[in-house]
Amino acid sequence: MINEPSVDALVRKLGTEEEPASRYELCIVVAKRTRQIIEQMQSTGATELPGKQKEIVVACQEVMNGKVKSVKD
């Protein structure tokens, strides 16, 4: 279970004042980024991330740090 960062904090970080994000949008963005991380690990032959973190935790941290954004088509 992910306790930090909180879901509410991630939703606020993902959205803007004009267009707030939803929990569904957060779920989609984090799931896509998690799959990208797993694919990158498989292509490099890595078996685990530094610090034995889970891929989904890294994806959530990237959203919180502003490295991952939601793109609306």
PDB file of N, CA and C in Angstrom:
ATOM      1  N   MET A   1       0.841  -1.182   0.000  1.00  0.00           N
ATOM      2  CA  MET A   1       0.000   0.000   0.000  1.00  0.00           C
ATOM      3  C   MET A   1       0.881   1.238   0.000  1.00  0.00           C
ATOM      4  N   ILE A   2       0.471   2.212  -0.760  1.00  0.00           N
ATOM      5  CA  ILE A   2       1.223   3.457  -0.867  1.00  0.00           C
ATOM      6  C   ILE A   2       0.623   4.470   0.098  1.00  0.00           C
ATOM      7  N   ASN A   3       1.419   4.924   1.051  1.00  0.00           N
ATOM      8  CA  ASN A   3       0.953   5.920   2.019  1.00  0.00           C
ATOM      9  C   ASN A   3       1.467   7.310   1.691  1.00  0.00           C
ATOM     10  N   GLU A   4       2.665   7.374   1.176  1.00  0.00           N
ATOM     11  CA  GLU A   4       3.271   8.650   0.829  1.00  0.00           C
ATOM     12  C   GLU A   4       3.762   8.595  -0.590  1.00  0.00           C
ATOM     13  N   PRO A   5       3.458   9.487  -1.425  1.00  0.00           N
ATOM     14  CA  PRO A   5       2.539  10.602  -1.258  1.00  0.00           C
ATOM     15  C   PRO A   5       1.089  10.129  -1.271  1.00  0.00           C
ATOM     16  N   SER A   6       0.234  10.902  -0.653  1.00  0.00           N
ATOM     17  CA  SER A   6      -1.173  10.519  -0.566  1.00  0.00           C
ATOM     18  C   SER A   6      -1.854  10.682  -1.925  1.00  0.00           C
ATOM     19  N   VAL A   7      -2.955   9.972  -2.097  1.00  0.00           N
ATOM     20  CA  VAL A   7      -3.705  10.034  -3.347  1.00  0.00           C
ATOM     21  C   VAL A   7      -4.198  11.457  -3.593  1.00  0.00           C
ATOM     22  N   ASP A   8      -4.692  12.108  -2.566  1.00  0.00           N
ATOM     23  CA  ASP A   8      -5.188  13.477  -2.724  1.00  0.00           C
ATOM     24  C   ASP A   8      -4.081  14.427  -3.170  1.00  0.00           C
ATOM     25  N   ALA A   9      -2.882  14.260  -2.612  1.00  0.00           N
ATOM     26  CA  ALA A   9      -1.749  15.102  -3.011  1.00  0.00           C
ATOM     27  C   ALA A   9      -1.366  14.842  -4.459  1.00  0.00           C
ATOM     28  N   LEU A  10      -1.409  13.590  -4.870  1.00  0.00           N
ATOM     29  CA  LEU A  10      -1.085  13.251  -6.254  1.00  0.00           C
ATOM     30  C   LEU A  10      -2.108  13.825  -7.224  1.00  0.00           C
ATOM     31  N   VAL A  11      -3.386  13.760  -6.857  1.00  0.00           N
ATOM     32  CA  VAL A  11      -4.444  14.314  -7.709  1.00  0.00           C
ATOM     33  C   VAL A  11      -4.258  15.819  -7.865  1.00  0.00           C
ATOM     34  N   ARG A  12      -3.965  16.506  -6.757  1.00  0.00           N
ATOM     35  CA  ARG A  12      -3.737  17.958  -6.823  1.00  0.00           C
ATOM     36  C   ARG A  12      -2.530  18.281  -7.692  1.00  0.00           C
ATOM     37  N   LYS A  13      -1.473  17.499  -7.563  1.00  0.00           N
ATOM     38  CA  LYS A  13      -0.243  17.748  -8.318  1.00  0.00           C
ATOM     39  C   LYS A  13      -0.447  17.488  -9.810  1.00  0.00           C
ATOM     40  N   LEU A  14      -1.251  16.496 -10.150  1.00  0.00           N
ATOM     41  CA  LEU A  14      -1.471  16.127 -11.542  1.00  0.00           C
ATOM     42  C   LEU A  14      -2.338  17.142 -12.276  1.00  0.00           C
ATOM     43  N   GLY A  15      -3.289  17.720 -11.571  1.00  0.00           N
ATOM     44  CA  GLY A  15      -4.205  18.673 -12.200  1.00  0.00           C
ATOM     45  C   GLY A  15      -3.731  20.105 -12.065  1.00  0.00           C
ATOM     46  N   THR A  16      -4.566  21.017 -12.564  1.00  0.00           N
ATOM     47  CA  THR A  16      -4.296  22.446 -12.444  1.00  0.00           C
ATOM     48  C   THR A  16      -5.524  23.110 -11.838  1.00  0.00           C
ATOM     49  N   GLU A  17      -5.409  24.379 -11.550  1.00  0.00           N
ATOM     50  CA  GLU A  17      -6.558  25.121 -11.011  1.00  0.00           C
ATOM     51  C   GLU A  17      -7.698  25.152 -12.024  1.00  0.00           C
ATOM     52  N   GLU A  18      -7.342  25.343 -13.305  1.00  0.00           N
ATOM     53  CA  GLU A  18      -8.352  25.420 -14.349  1.00  0.00           C
ATOM     54  C   GLU A  18      -8.964  24.058 -14.668  1.00  0.00           C
ATOM     55  N   GLU A  19      -8.124  23.023 -14.666  1.00  0.00           N
ATOM     56  CA  GLU A  19      -8.577  21.670 -14.984  1.00  0.00           C
ATOM     57  C   GLU A  19      -8.066  20.694 -13.927  1.00  0.00           C
ATOM     58  N   PRO A  20      -8.817  20.513 -12.856  1.00  0.00           N
ATOM     59  CA  PRO A  20      -8.368  19.572 -11.835  1.00  0.00           C
ATOM     60  C   PRO A  20      -8.403  18.137 -12.353  1.00  0.00           C
ATOM     61  N   ALA A  21      -7.501  17.316 -11.852  1.00  0.00           N
ATOM     62  CA  ALA A  21      -7.443  15.909 -12.241  1.00  0.00           C
ATOM     63  C   ALA A  21      -8.424  15.104 -11.392  1.00  0.00           C
ATOM     64  N   SER A  22      -8.779  13.949 -11.887  1.00  0.00           N
ATOM     65  CA  SER A  22      -9.636  13.037 -11.136  1.00  0.00           C
ATOM     66  C   SER A  22      -8.801  11.846 -10.662  1.00  0.00           C
ATOM     67  N   ARG A  23      -9.350  11.072  -9.765  1.00  0.00           N
ATOM     68  CA  ARG A  23      -8.665   9.864  -9.307  1.00  0.00           C
ATOM     69  C   ARG A  23      -8.505   8.878 -10.453  1.00  0.00           C
ATOM     70  N   TYR A  24      -9.490   8.832 -11.335  1.00  0.00           N
ATOM     71  CA  TYR A  24      -9.413   7.955 -12.497  1.00  0.00           C
ATOM     72  C   TYR A  24      -8.232   8.351 -13.384  1.00  0.00           C
ATOM     73  N   GLU A  25      -8.082   9.640 -13.631  1.00  0.00           N
ATOM     74  CA  GLU A  25      -6.977  10.129 -14.446  1.00  0.00           C
ATOM     75  C   GLU A  25      -5.637   9.778 -13.799  1.00  0.00           C
ATOM     76  N   LEU A  26      -5.554   9.949 -12.495  1.00  0.00           N
ATOM     77  CA  LEU A  26      -4.338   9.590 -11.772  1.00  0.00           C
ATOM     78  C   LEU A  26      -4.036   8.104 -11.954  1.00  0.00           C
ATOM     79  N   CYS A  27      -5.044   7.275 -11.837  1.00  0.00           N
ATOM     80  CA  CYS A  27      -4.876   5.834 -11.987  1.00  0.00           C
ATOM     81  C   CYS A  27      -4.317   5.486 -13.362  1.00  0.00           C
ATOM     82  N   ILE A  28      -4.860   6.096 -14.391  1.00  0.00           N
ATOM     83  CA  ILE A  28      -4.415   5.823 -15.757  1.00  0.00           C
ATOM     84  C   ILE A  28      -2.971   6.280 -15.957  1.00  0.00           C
ATOM     85  N   VAL A  29      -2.648   7.481 -15.507  1.00  0.00           N
ATOM     86  CA  VAL A  29      -1.298   8.023 -15.678  1.00  0.00           C
ATOM     87  C   VAL A  29      -0.269   7.161 -14.943  1.00  0.00           C
ATOM     88  N   VAL A  30      -0.564   6.800 -13.707  1.00  0.00           N
ATOM     89  CA  VAL A  30       0.375   6.001 -12.917  1.00  0.00           C
ATOM     90  C   VAL A  30       0.515   4.599 -13.511  1.00  0.00           C
ATOM     91  N   ALA A  31      -0.576   4.011 -13.973  1.00  0.00           N
ATOM     92  CA  ALA A  31      -0.508   2.678 -14.568  1.00  0.00           C
ATOM     93  C   ALA A  31       0.346   2.678 -15.832  1.00  0.00           C
ATOM     94  N   LYS A  32       0.178   3.688 -16.677  1.00  0.00           N
ATOM     95  CA  LYS A  32       0.969   3.774 -17.901  1.00  0.00           C
ATOM     96  C   LYS A  32       2.448   3.951 -17.587  1.00  0.00           C
ATOM     97  N   ARG A  33       2.743   4.824 -16.638  1.00  0.00           N
ATOM     98  CA  ARG A  33       4.145   5.055 -16.270  1.00  0.00           C
ATOM     99  C   ARG A  33       4.752   3.804 -15.645  1.00  0.00           C
ATOM    100  N   THR A  34       3.973   3.094 -14.841  1.00  0.00           N
ATOM    101  CA  THR A  34       4.462   1.861 -14.230  1.00  0.00           C
ATOM    102  C   THR A  34       4.821   0.843 -15.304  1.00  0.00           C
ATOM    103  N   ARG A  35       3.975   0.719 -16.319  1.00  0.00           N
ATOM    104  CA  ARG A  35       4.275  -0.212 -17.416  1.00  0.00           C
ATOM    105  C   ARG A  35       5.543   0.204 -18.155  1.00  0.00           C
ATOM    106  N   GLN A  36       5.740   1.515 -18.339  1.00  0.00           N
ATOM    107  CA  GLN A  36       6.950   1.995 -19.001  1.00  0.00           C
ATOM    108  C   GLN A  36       8.193   1.621 -18.193  1.00  0.00           C
ATOM    109  N   ILE A  37       8.113   1.787 -16.891  1.00  0.00           N
ATOM    110  CA  ILE A  37       9.249   1.451 -16.018  1.00  0.00           C
ATOM    111  C   ILE A  37       9.562  -0.039 -16.114  1.00  0.00           C
ATOM    112  N   ILE A  38       8.529  -0.874 -16.095  1.00  0.00           N
ATOM    113  CA  ILE A  38       8.727  -2.324 -16.187  1.00  0.00           C
ATOM    114  C   ILE A  38       9.355  -2.692 -17.523  1.00  0.00           C
ATOM    115  N   GLU A  39       8.881  -2.082 -18.603  1.00  0.00           N
ATOM    116  CA  GLU A  39       9.446  -2.351 -19.929  1.00  0.00           C
ATOM    117  C   GLU A  39      10.904  -1.930 -19.997  1.00  0.00           C
ATOM    118  N   GLN A  40      11.241  -0.784 -19.399  1.00  0.00           N
ATOM    119  CA  GLN A  40      12.622  -0.321 -19.385  1.00  0.00           C
ATOM    120  C   GLN A  40      13.510  -1.291 -18.609  1.00  0.00           C
ATOM    121  N   MET A  41      12.995  -1.784 -17.496  1.00  0.00           N
ATOM    122  CA  MET A  41      13.759  -2.739 -16.695  1.00  0.00           C
ATOM    123  C   MET A  41      13.992  -4.030 -17.478  1.00  0.00           C
ATOM    124  N   GLN A  42      12.968  -4.505 -18.169  1.00  0.00           N
ATOM    125  CA  GLN A  42      13.106  -5.736 -18.937  1.00  0.00           C
ATOM    126  C   GLN A  42      14.091  -5.572 -20.083  1.00  0.00           C
ATOM    127  N   SER A  43      14.098  -4.407 -20.716  1.00  0.00           N
ATOM    128  CA  SER A  43      15.011  -4.194 -21.844  1.00  0.00           C
ATOM    129  C   SER A  43      16.461  -4.079 -21.402  1.00  0.00           C
ATOM    130  N   THR A  44      16.687  -3.627 -20.174  1.00  0.00           N
ATOM    131  CA  THR A  44      18.060  -3.508 -19.674  1.00  0.00           C
ATOM    132  C   THR A  44      18.502  -4.742 -18.896  1.00  0.00           C
ATOM    133  N   GLY A  45      17.576  -5.641 -18.625  1.00  0.00           N
ATOM    134  CA  GLY A  45      17.913  -6.850 -17.888  1.00  0.00           C
ATOM    135  C   GLY A  45      17.923  -6.673 -16.381  1.00  0.00           C
ATOM    136  N   ALA A  46      17.458  -5.545 -15.897  1.00  0.00           N
ATOM    137  CA  ALA A  46      17.412  -5.303 -14.456  1.00  0.00           C
ATOM    138  C   ALA A  46      16.301  -6.153 -13.834  1.00  0.00           C
ATOM    139  N   THR A  47      16.541  -6.616 -12.632  1.00  0.00           N
ATOM    140  CA  THR A  47      15.539  -7.431 -11.952  1.00  0.00           C
ATOM    141  C   THR A  47      14.796  -6.671 -10.873  1.00  0.00           C
ATOM    142  N   GLU A  48      15.431  -5.629 -10.352  1.00  0.00           N
ATOM    143  CA  GLU A  48      14.746  -4.806  -9.351  1.00  0.00           C
ATOM    144  C   GLU A  48      15.293  -3.387  -9.366  1.00  0.00           C
ATOM    145  N   LEU A  49      14.513  -2.477  -8.825  1.00  0.00           N
ATOM    146  CA  LEU A  49      14.897  -1.075  -8.767  1.00  0.00           C
ATOM    147  C   LEU A  49      15.803  -0.828  -7.568  1.00  0.00           C
ATOM    148  N   PRO A  50      16.579   0.254  -7.612  1.00  0.00           N
ATOM    149  CA  PRO A  50      17.410   0.596  -6.449  1.00  0.00           C
ATOM    150  C   PRO A  50      16.549   0.779  -5.201  1.00  0.00           C
ATOM    151  N   GLY A  51      17.018   0.271  -4.099  1.00  0.00           N
ATOM    152  CA  GLY A  51      16.276   0.380  -2.851  1.00  0.00           C
ATOM    153  C   GLY A  51      15.112  -0.589  -2.772  1.00  0.00           C
ATOM    154  N   LYS A  52      15.051  -1.518  -3.724  1.00  0.00           N
ATOM    155  CA  LYS A  52      13.988  -2.519  -3.792  1.00  0.00           C
ATOM    156  C   LYS A  52      12.595  -1.904  -3.789  1.00  0.00           C
ATOM    157  N   GLN A  53      12.477  -0.726  -4.401  1.00  0.00           N
ATOM    158  CA  GLN A  53      11.175  -0.071  -4.501  1.00  0.00           C
ATOM    159  C   GLN A  53      10.340  -0.764  -5.568  1.00  0.00           C
ATOM    160  N   LYS A  54       9.044  -0.664  -5.409  1.00  0.00           N
ATOM    161  CA  LYS A  54       8.127  -1.178  -6.415  1.00  0.00           C
ATOM    162  C   LYS A  54       8.000  -0.152  -7.530  1.00  0.00           C
ATOM    163  N   GLU A  55       7.691  -0.631  -8.709  1.00  0.00           N
ATOM    164  CA  GLU A  55       7.585   0.240  -9.873  1.00  0.00           C
ATOM    165  C   GLU A  55       6.486   1.281  -9.700  1.00  0.00           C
ATOM    166  N   ILE A  56       5.378   0.895  -9.095  1.00  0.00           N
ATOM    167  CA  ILE A  56       4.259   1.821  -8.909  1.00  0.00           C
ATOM    168  C   ILE A  56       4.617   2.945  -7.938  1.00  0.00           C
ATOM    169  N   VAL A  57       5.457   2.645  -6.963  1.00  0.00           N
ATOM    170  CA  VAL A  57       5.893   3.673  -6.013  1.00  0.00           C
ATOM    171  C   VAL A  57       6.752   4.707  -6.735  1.00  0.00           C
ATOM    172  N   VAL A  58       7.631   4.230  -7.609  1.00  0.00           N
ATOM    173  CA  VAL A  58       8.482   5.140  -8.387  1.00  0.00           C
ATOM    174  C   VAL A  58       7.614   6.017  -9.280  1.00  0.00           C
ATOM    175  N   ALA A  59       6.604   5.425  -9.920  1.00  0.00           N
ATOM    176  CA  ALA A  59       5.709   6.193 -10.790  1.00  0.00           C
ATOM    177  C   ALA A  59       4.974   7.271  -9.988  1.00  0.00           C
ATOM    178  N   CYS A  60       4.492   6.945  -8.801  1.00  0.00           N
ATOM    179  CA  CYS A  60       3.805   7.930  -7.960  1.00  0.00           C
ATOM    180  C   CYS A  60       4.748   9.043  -7.530  1.00  0.00           C
ATOM    181  N   GLN A  61       5.973   8.696  -7.202  1.00  0.00           N
ATOM    182  CA  GLN A  61       6.949   9.709  -6.813  1.00  0.00           C
ATOM    183  C   GLN A  61       7.267  10.633  -7.984  1.00  0.00           C
ATOM    184  N   GLU A  62       7.305  10.079  -9.185  1.00  0.00           N
ATOM    185  CA  GLU A  62       7.561  10.906 -10.361  1.00  0.00           C
ATOM    186  C   GLU A  62       6.413  11.878 -10.613  1.00  0.00           C
ATOM    187  N   VAL A  63       5.188  11.449 -10.387  1.00  0.00           N
ATOM    188  CA  VAL A  63       4.043  12.364 -10.513  1.00  0.00           C
ATOM    189  C   VAL A  63       4.170  13.473  -9.483  1.00  0.00           C
ATOM    190  N   MET A  64       4.491  13.114  -8.254  1.00  0.00           N
ATOM    191  CA  MET A  64       4.592  14.100  -7.180  1.00  0.00           C
ATOM    192  C   MET A  64       5.720  15.095  -7.439  1.00  0.00           C
ATOM    193  N   ASN A  65       6.807  14.636  -8.056  1.00  0.00           N
ATOM    194  CA  ASN A  65       7.945  15.513  -8.341  1.00  0.00           C
ATOM    195  C   ASN A  65       7.763  16.306  -9.633  1.00  0.00           C
ATOM    196  N   GLY A  66       6.658  16.091 -10.332  1.00  0.00           N
ATOM    197  CA  GLY A  66       6.383  16.835 -11.551  1.00  0.00           C
ATOM    198  C   GLY A  66       7.078  16.290 -12.785  1.00  0.00           C
ATOM    199  N   LYS A  67       7.657  15.097 -12.700  1.00  0.00           N
ATOM    200  CA  LYS A  67       8.342  14.499 -13.837  1.00  0.00           C
ATOM    201  C   LYS A  67       7.362  13.865 -14.818  1.00  0.00           C
ATOM    202  N   VAL A  68       6.151  13.540 -14.346  1.00  0.00           N
ATOM    203  CA  VAL A  68       5.138  12.918 -15.185  1.00  0.00           C
ATOM    204  C   VAL A  68       3.907  13.806 -15.176  1.00  0.00           C
ATOM    205  N   LYS A  69       3.399  14.103 -16.351  1.00  0.00           N
ATOM    206  CA  LYS A  69       2.217  14.949 -16.491  1.00  0.00           C
ATOM    207  C   LYS A  69       1.152  14.195 -17.264  1.00  0.00           C
ATOM    208  N   SER A  70      -0.066  14.654 -17.137  1.00  0.00           N
ATOM    209  CA  SER A  70      -1.176  14.107 -17.898  1.00  0.00           C
ATOM    210  C   SER A  70      -1.362  14.958 -19.143  1.00  0.00           C
ATOM    211  N   VAL A  71      -1.483  14.299 -20.284  1.00  0.00           N
ATOM    212  CA  VAL A  71      -1.680  15.003 -21.544  1.00  0.00           C
ATOM    213  C   VAL A  71      -3.100  14.725 -22.018  1.00  0.00           C
ATOM    214  N   LYS A  72      -3.830  15.784 -22.267  1.00  0.00           N
ATOM    215  CA  LYS A  72      -5.202  15.643 -22.729  1.00  0.00           C
ATOM    216  C   LYS A  72      -5.230  15.780 -24.242  1.00  0.00           C
ATOM    217  N   ASP A  73      -5.852  14.829 -24.893  1.00  0.00           N
ATOM    218  CA  ASP A  73      -5.933  14.854 -26.360  1.00  0.00           C
ATOM    219  C   ASP A  73      -7.065  15.685 -26.844  1.00  0.00           C
TER     220      ASP A  73
END
